[in-house]
Amino acid sequence: MTNLFAESAGIKLTHIRYKGMAPTVVDPIGGQTDMLIASAPSILQHVKNGKVRALAVTSSTRSSVAPDLPSLEQSGYKNSAVNIWWGIMASPGTPQPIVDSSMPRSTASCERRR
């Protein structure tokens, strides 16, 4: 996503590898990095409390999670839309009855959040 945005914007960015989202989010809040492209769940609380400023979403249209933010495409960065998906996973040895009973609850939880 970062490379796609940089190409669309005509800028060069330096990719910094982190071990997990927590340290990735902390650095722009503390001023150690200039920008971050992150999933809404990992950064939205910091946007709401003013620790970081959200500029756009990466989907092709505005997001229901942050309807005031334009998409990158709406902001003029053509061919930069990316829709992120999240997987629901379990350990390989998880018994099938647990998987079968978990999926309806997981799906219902996701639907309630829409």
N, C-alpha and C. Protein backbone atom coordinates (compact mmCIF):
# COMPACT_ATOMS: atom_id res chain seq x y z
N MET A 1 0.81 -1.19 0.00
CA MET A 1 0.00 0.00 0.00
C MET A 1 0.86 1.25 0.00
N THR A 2 1.90 1.26 0.81
CA THR A 2 2.76 2.44 0.90
C THR A 2 3.40 2.74 -0.45
N ASN A 3 3.90 1.71 -1.12
CA ASN A 3 4.53 1.91 -2.43
C ASN A 3 3.53 2.40 -3.46
N LEU A 4 2.31 1.87 -3.42
CA LEU A 4 1.26 2.29 -4.34
C LEU A 4 0.94 3.77 -4.13
N PHE A 5 0.82 4.19 -2.89
CA PHE A 5 0.55 5.59 -2.58
C PHE A 5 1.72 6.46 -3.03
N ALA A 6 2.94 6.08 -2.72
CA ALA A 6 4.12 6.88 -3.08
C ALA A 6 4.20 7.07 -4.59
N GLU A 7 3.92 6.00 -5.33
CA GLU A 7 3.94 6.10 -6.79
C GLU A 7 2.86 7.05 -7.29
N SER A 8 1.66 6.93 -6.75
CA SER A 8 0.56 7.80 -7.15
C SER A 8 0.83 9.25 -6.80
N ALA A 9 1.48 9.48 -5.66
CA ALA A 9 1.78 10.85 -5.21
C ALA A 9 3.05 11.42 -5.84
N GLY A 10 3.84 10.55 -6.49
CA GLY A 10 5.09 11.01 -7.07
C GLY A 10 6.13 11.38 -6.02
N ILE A 11 6.14 10.65 -4.92
CA ILE A 11 7.09 10.93 -3.85
C ILE A 11 7.87 9.66 -3.50
N LYS A 12 8.95 9.84 -2.77
CA LYS A 12 9.73 8.70 -2.31
C LYS A 12 9.55 8.59 -0.80
N LEU A 13 9.23 7.38 -0.35
CA LEU A 13 9.06 7.12 1.08
C LEU A 13 10.06 6.05 1.50
N THR A 14 10.47 6.10 2.74
CA THR A 14 11.34 5.07 3.29
C THR A 14 10.50 4.12 4.12
N HIS A 15 10.53 2.84 3.76
CA HIS A 15 9.78 1.83 4.49
C HIS A 15 10.56 1.44 5.74
N ILE A 16 9.90 1.48 6.88
CA ILE A 16 10.51 1.08 8.14
C ILE A 16 9.79 -0.17 8.63
N ARG A 17 10.55 -1.23 8.87
CA ARG A 17 9.95 -2.48 9.33
C ARG A 17 9.80 -2.45 10.85
N TYR A 18 8.61 -2.85 11.30
CA TYR A 18 8.30 -2.94 12.72
C TYR A 18 7.84 -4.35 13.05
N LYS A 19 7.97 -4.71 14.30
CA LYS A 19 7.44 -5.98 14.78
C LYS A 19 6.11 -5.71 15.44
N GLY A 20 5.08 -5.63 14.64
CA GLY A 20 3.74 -5.41 15.17
C GLY A 20 3.25 -3.99 14.99
N MET A 21 1.93 -3.84 15.13
CA MET A 21 1.31 -2.54 14.91
C MET A 21 1.54 -1.57 16.06
N ALA A 22 1.64 -2.04 17.30
CA ALA A 22 1.79 -1.13 18.44
C ALA A 22 3.00 -0.20 18.29
N PRO A 23 4.21 -0.72 18.05
CA PRO A 23 5.34 0.20 17.89
C PRO A 23 5.23 1.03 16.61
N THR A 24 4.55 0.52 15.63
CA THR A 24 4.37 1.27 14.38
C THR A 24 3.54 2.52 14.63
N VAL A 25 2.51 2.40 15.45
CA VAL A 25 1.62 3.51 15.75
C VAL A 25 2.27 4.53 16.69
N VAL A 26 3.10 4.05 17.59
CA VAL A 26 3.72 4.93 18.58
C VAL A 26 4.67 5.95 17.93
N ASP A 27 5.39 5.57 16.91
CA ASP A 27 6.39 6.48 16.34
C ASP A 27 5.81 7.76 15.72
N PRO A 28 4.75 7.72 14.92
CA PRO A 28 4.24 9.00 14.45
C PRO A 28 3.62 9.84 15.58
N ILE A 29 3.04 9.19 16.58
CA ILE A 29 2.50 9.93 17.73
C ILE A 29 3.63 10.67 18.44
N GLY A 30 4.78 10.01 18.57
CA GLY A 30 5.92 10.62 19.24
C GLY A 30 6.80 11.49 18.36
N GLY A 31 6.47 11.58 17.08
CA GLY A 31 7.23 12.43 16.17
C GLY A 31 8.48 11.80 15.58
N GLN A 32 8.65 10.48 15.76
CA GLN A 32 9.83 9.81 15.19
C GLN A 32 9.68 9.51 13.70
N THR A 33 8.45 9.39 13.23
CA THR A 33 8.19 9.21 11.80
C THR A 33 7.17 10.24 11.35
N ASP A 34 7.16 10.53 10.07
CA ASP A 34 6.30 11.58 9.53
C ASP A 34 4.90 11.11 9.18
N MET A 35 4.76 9.86 8.82
CA MET A 35 3.45 9.38 8.39
C MET A 35 3.31 7.89 8.61
N LEU A 36 2.08 7.41 8.51
CA LEU A 36 1.78 6.01 8.72
C LEU A 36 0.56 5.66 7.90
N ILE A 37 0.59 4.52 7.26
CA ILE A 37 -0.59 3.96 6.62
C ILE A 37 -0.95 2.73 7.45
N ALA A 38 -2.13 2.77 8.08
CA ALA A 38 -2.51 1.71 9.02
C ALA A 38 -3.99 1.39 8.89
N SER A 39 -4.37 0.26 9.44
CA SER A 39 -5.78 -0.13 9.46
C SER A 39 -6.53 0.77 10.44
N ALA A 40 -7.80 0.98 10.17
CA ALA A 40 -8.62 1.83 11.04
C ALA A 40 -8.63 1.35 12.49
N PRO A 41 -8.80 0.05 12.76
CA PRO A 41 -8.84 -0.37 14.16
C PRO A 41 -7.56 -0.04 14.93
N SER A 42 -6.43 -0.04 14.26
CA SER A 42 -5.17 0.18 14.97
C SER A 42 -4.88 1.65 15.24
N ILE A 43 -5.54 2.56 14.56
CA ILE A 43 -5.19 3.97 14.68
C ILE A 43 -6.36 4.88 15.03
N LEU A 44 -7.59 4.41 14.85
CA LEU A 44 -8.75 5.28 14.99
C LEU A 44 -8.86 5.95 16.36
N GLN A 45 -8.55 5.24 17.44
CA GLN A 45 -8.64 5.86 18.77
C GLN A 45 -7.68 7.04 18.89
N HIS A 46 -6.52 6.95 18.25
CA HIS A 46 -5.54 8.04 18.30
C HIS A 46 -5.97 9.23 17.45
N VAL A 47 -6.71 8.94 16.37
CA VAL A 47 -7.27 10.02 15.54
C VAL A 47 -8.34 10.75 16.35
N LYS A 48 -9.22 9.98 16.99
CA LYS A 48 -10.32 10.59 17.75
C LYS A 48 -9.83 11.43 18.92
N ASN A 49 -8.72 11.04 19.56
CA ASN A 49 -8.24 11.84 20.69
C ASN A 49 -7.18 12.87 20.28
N GLY A 50 -6.98 13.05 18.97
CA GLY A 50 -6.13 14.12 18.48
C GLY A 50 -4.63 13.88 18.51
N LYS A 51 -4.21 12.63 18.75
CA LYS A 51 -2.77 12.35 18.78
C LYS A 51 -2.17 12.26 17.39
N VAL A 52 -2.96 11.89 16.40
CA VAL A 52 -2.53 11.89 15.00
C VAL A 52 -3.66 12.48 14.16
N ARG A 53 -3.32 12.96 12.99
CA ARG A 53 -4.30 13.55 12.09
C ARG A 53 -4.50 12.61 10.90
N ALA A 54 -5.71 12.15 10.71
CA ALA A 54 -6.03 11.30 9.56
C ALA A 54 -6.24 12.19 8.34
N LEU A 55 -5.67 11.78 7.22
CA LEU A 55 -5.77 12.57 6.00
C LEU A 55 -6.71 11.96 4.97
N ALA A 56 -6.74 10.63 4.89
CA ALA A 56 -7.57 9.97 3.89
C ALA A 56 -7.68 8.49 4.23
N VAL A 57 -8.61 7.80 3.59
CA VAL A 57 -8.73 6.35 3.70
C VAL A 57 -8.26 5.73 2.39
N THR A 58 -7.84 4.48 2.45
CA THR A 58 -7.27 3.84 1.25
C THR A 58 -8.30 3.16 0.37
N SER A 59 -9.53 3.03 0.83
CA SER A 59 -10.56 2.40 0.01
C SER A 59 -10.93 3.33 -1.15
N SER A 60 -11.69 2.82 -2.11
CA SER A 60 -12.03 3.62 -3.29
C SER A 60 -13.06 4.70 -2.99
N THR A 61 -13.81 4.55 -1.91
CA THR A 61 -14.80 5.55 -1.49
C THR A 61 -14.63 5.83 0.00
N ARG A 62 -15.35 6.78 0.51
CA ARG A 62 -15.29 7.10 1.93
C ARG A 62 -15.71 5.88 2.75
N SER A 63 -15.20 5.79 3.94
CA SER A 63 -15.49 4.67 4.82
C SER A 63 -16.59 5.04 5.81
N SER A 64 -17.45 4.08 6.12
CA SER A 64 -18.48 4.32 7.13
C SER A 64 -17.86 4.50 8.52
N VAL A 65 -16.64 4.00 8.71
CA VAL A 65 -15.94 4.13 9.98
C VAL A 65 -15.48 5.58 10.19
N ALA A 66 -15.10 6.25 9.11
CA ALA A 66 -14.61 7.63 9.18
C ALA A 66 -15.18 8.41 8.00
N PRO A 67 -16.49 8.69 8.00
CA PRO A 67 -17.13 9.30 6.83
C PRO A 67 -16.65 10.70 6.48
N ASP A 68 -16.00 11.39 7.39
CA ASP A 68 -15.50 12.73 7.10
C ASP A 68 -14.20 12.72 6.31
N LEU A 69 -13.55 11.55 6.24
CA LEU A 69 -12.28 11.47 5.52
C LEU A 69 -12.50 11.11 4.05
N PRO A 70 -11.87 11.83 3.15
CA PRO A 70 -11.96 11.45 1.73
C PRO A 70 -11.12 10.21 1.47
N SER A 71 -11.40 9.55 0.37
CA SER A 71 -10.52 8.45 -0.04
C SER A 71 -9.30 9.06 -0.73
N LEU A 72 -8.23 8.29 -0.86
CA LEU A 72 -7.06 8.78 -1.59
C LEU A 72 -7.45 9.17 -3.01
N GLU A 73 -8.30 8.36 -3.63
CA GLU A 73 -8.73 8.65 -5.00
C GLU A 73 -9.49 9.97 -5.05
N GLN A 74 -10.37 10.21 -4.08
CA GLN A 74 -11.11 11.47 -4.02
C GLN A 74 -10.17 12.64 -3.78
N SER A 75 -9.03 12.38 -3.17
CA SER A 75 -8.03 13.42 -2.90
C SER A 75 -7.09 13.63 -4.08
N GLY A 76 -7.31 12.91 -5.18
CA GLY A 76 -6.51 13.12 -6.38
C GLY A 76 -5.42 12.11 -6.64
N TYR A 77 -5.30 11.10 -5.80
CA TYR A 77 -4.27 10.08 -5.99
C TYR A 77 -4.88 8.90 -6.73
N LYS A 78 -4.80 8.94 -8.02
CA LYS A 78 -5.46 7.94 -8.88
C LYS A 78 -4.79 6.58 -8.76
N ASN A 79 -5.60 5.54 -8.93
CA ASN A 79 -5.14 4.15 -8.90
C ASN A 79 -4.45 3.79 -7.59
N SER A 80 -4.94 4.35 -6.48
CA SER A 80 -4.32 4.08 -5.20
C SER A 80 -5.24 3.34 -4.23
N ALA A 81 -6.43 2.96 -4.67
CA ALA A 81 -7.40 2.32 -3.77
C ALA A 81 -6.98 0.89 -3.43
N VAL A 82 -7.07 0.59 -2.14
CA VAL A 82 -6.81 -0.76 -1.65
C VAL A 82 -7.83 -1.05 -0.56
N ASN A 83 -8.55 -2.14 -0.71
CA ASN A 83 -9.48 -2.57 0.33
C ASN A 83 -8.81 -3.69 1.10
N ILE A 84 -8.67 -3.50 2.39
CA ILE A 84 -7.98 -4.46 3.25
C ILE A 84 -8.98 -5.46 3.81
N TRP A 85 -8.57 -6.70 3.89
CA TRP A 85 -9.42 -7.72 4.53
C TRP A 85 -8.71 -8.26 5.74
N TRP A 86 -9.49 -8.74 6.68
CA TRP A 86 -8.96 -9.34 7.90
C TRP A 86 -9.45 -10.78 7.94
N GLY A 87 -8.60 -11.70 8.35
CA GLY A 87 -8.98 -13.10 8.46
C GLY A 87 -9.30 -13.48 9.89
N ILE A 88 -10.20 -14.43 10.04
CA ILE A 88 -10.50 -15.00 11.35
C ILE A 88 -9.79 -16.34 11.38
N MET A 89 -8.91 -16.53 12.34
CA MET A 89 -8.07 -17.72 12.37
C MET A 89 -8.14 -18.42 13.71
N ALA A 90 -7.75 -19.68 13.67
CA ALA A 90 -7.63 -20.48 14.89
C ALA A 90 -6.41 -21.37 14.75
N SER A 91 -5.96 -21.91 15.86
CA SER A 91 -4.81 -22.83 15.84
C SER A 91 -5.16 -24.06 14.99
N PRO A 92 -4.15 -24.66 14.34
CA PRO A 92 -4.42 -25.82 13.48
C PRO A 92 -5.13 -26.97 14.20
N GLY A 93 -4.90 -27.14 15.49
CA GLY A 93 -5.50 -28.25 16.22
C GLY A 93 -6.86 -27.94 16.84
N THR A 94 -7.44 -26.80 16.52
CA THR A 94 -8.74 -26.45 17.10
C THR A 94 -9.80 -27.45 16.68
N PRO A 95 -10.49 -28.05 17.63
CA PRO A 95 -11.53 -29.03 17.29
C PRO A 95 -12.64 -28.42 16.42
N GLN A 96 -13.12 -29.17 15.45
CA GLN A 96 -14.14 -28.69 14.52
C GLN A 96 -15.39 -28.16 15.21
N PRO A 97 -15.89 -28.79 16.29
CA PRO A 97 -17.07 -28.21 16.94
C PRO A 97 -16.85 -26.79 17.46
N ILE A 98 -15.64 -26.49 17.90
CA ILE A 98 -15.34 -25.13 18.38
C ILE A 98 -15.32 -24.17 17.19
N VAL A 99 -14.71 -24.59 16.09
CA VAL A 99 -14.70 -23.75 14.88
C VAL A 99 -16.13 -23.51 14.41
N ASP A 100 -16.93 -24.57 14.36
CA ASP A 100 -18.32 -24.45 13.89
C ASP A 100 -19.14 -23.51 14.77
N SER A 101 -18.93 -23.54 16.08
CA SER A 101 -19.71 -22.67 16.97
C SER A 101 -19.16 -21.25 17.00
N SER A 102 -17.89 -21.07 16.68
CA SER A 102 -17.27 -19.74 16.72
C SER A 102 -17.63 -18.88 15.51
N MET A 103 -17.75 -19.48 14.36
CA MET A 103 -17.97 -18.71 13.15
C MET A 103 -19.27 -17.90 13.18
N PRO A 104 -20.41 -18.47 13.57
CA PRO A 104 -21.63 -17.64 13.62
C PRO A 104 -21.49 -16.46 14.58
N ARG A 105 -20.83 -16.66 15.72
CA ARG A 105 -20.63 -15.56 16.68
C ARG A 105 -19.70 -14.50 16.11
N SER A 106 -18.65 -14.93 15.41
CA SER A 106 -17.71 -13.97 14.80
C SER A 106 -18.40 -13.15 13.73
N THR A 107 -19.19 -13.83 12.90
CA THR A 107 -19.90 -13.14 11.83
C THR A 107 -20.90 -12.15 12.41
N ALA A 108 -21.63 -12.55 13.44
CA ALA A 108 -22.60 -11.67 14.09
C ALA A 108 -21.90 -10.46 14.69
N SER A 109 -20.74 -10.66 15.29
CA SER A 109 -19.99 -9.56 15.88
C SER A 109 -19.58 -8.55 14.81
N CYS A 110 -19.13 -9.04 13.67
CA CYS A 110 -18.73 -8.16 12.58
C CYS A 110 -19.93 -7.38 12.04
N GLU A 111 -21.07 -8.04 11.93
CA GLU A 111 -22.27 -7.38 11.42
C GLU A 111 -22.73 -6.26 12.36
N ARG A 112 -22.62 -6.48 13.68
CA ARG A 112 -23.05 -5.46 14.64
C ARG A 112 -22.19 -4.22 14.54
N ARG A 113 -20.95 -4.36 14.12
CA ARG A 113 -20.04 -3.23 14.07
C ARG A 113 -20.20 -2.39 12.81
N ARG A 114 -20.96 -2.85 11.86
CA ARG A 114 -21.13 -2.09 10.61
C ARG A 114 -21.98 -0.87 10.79
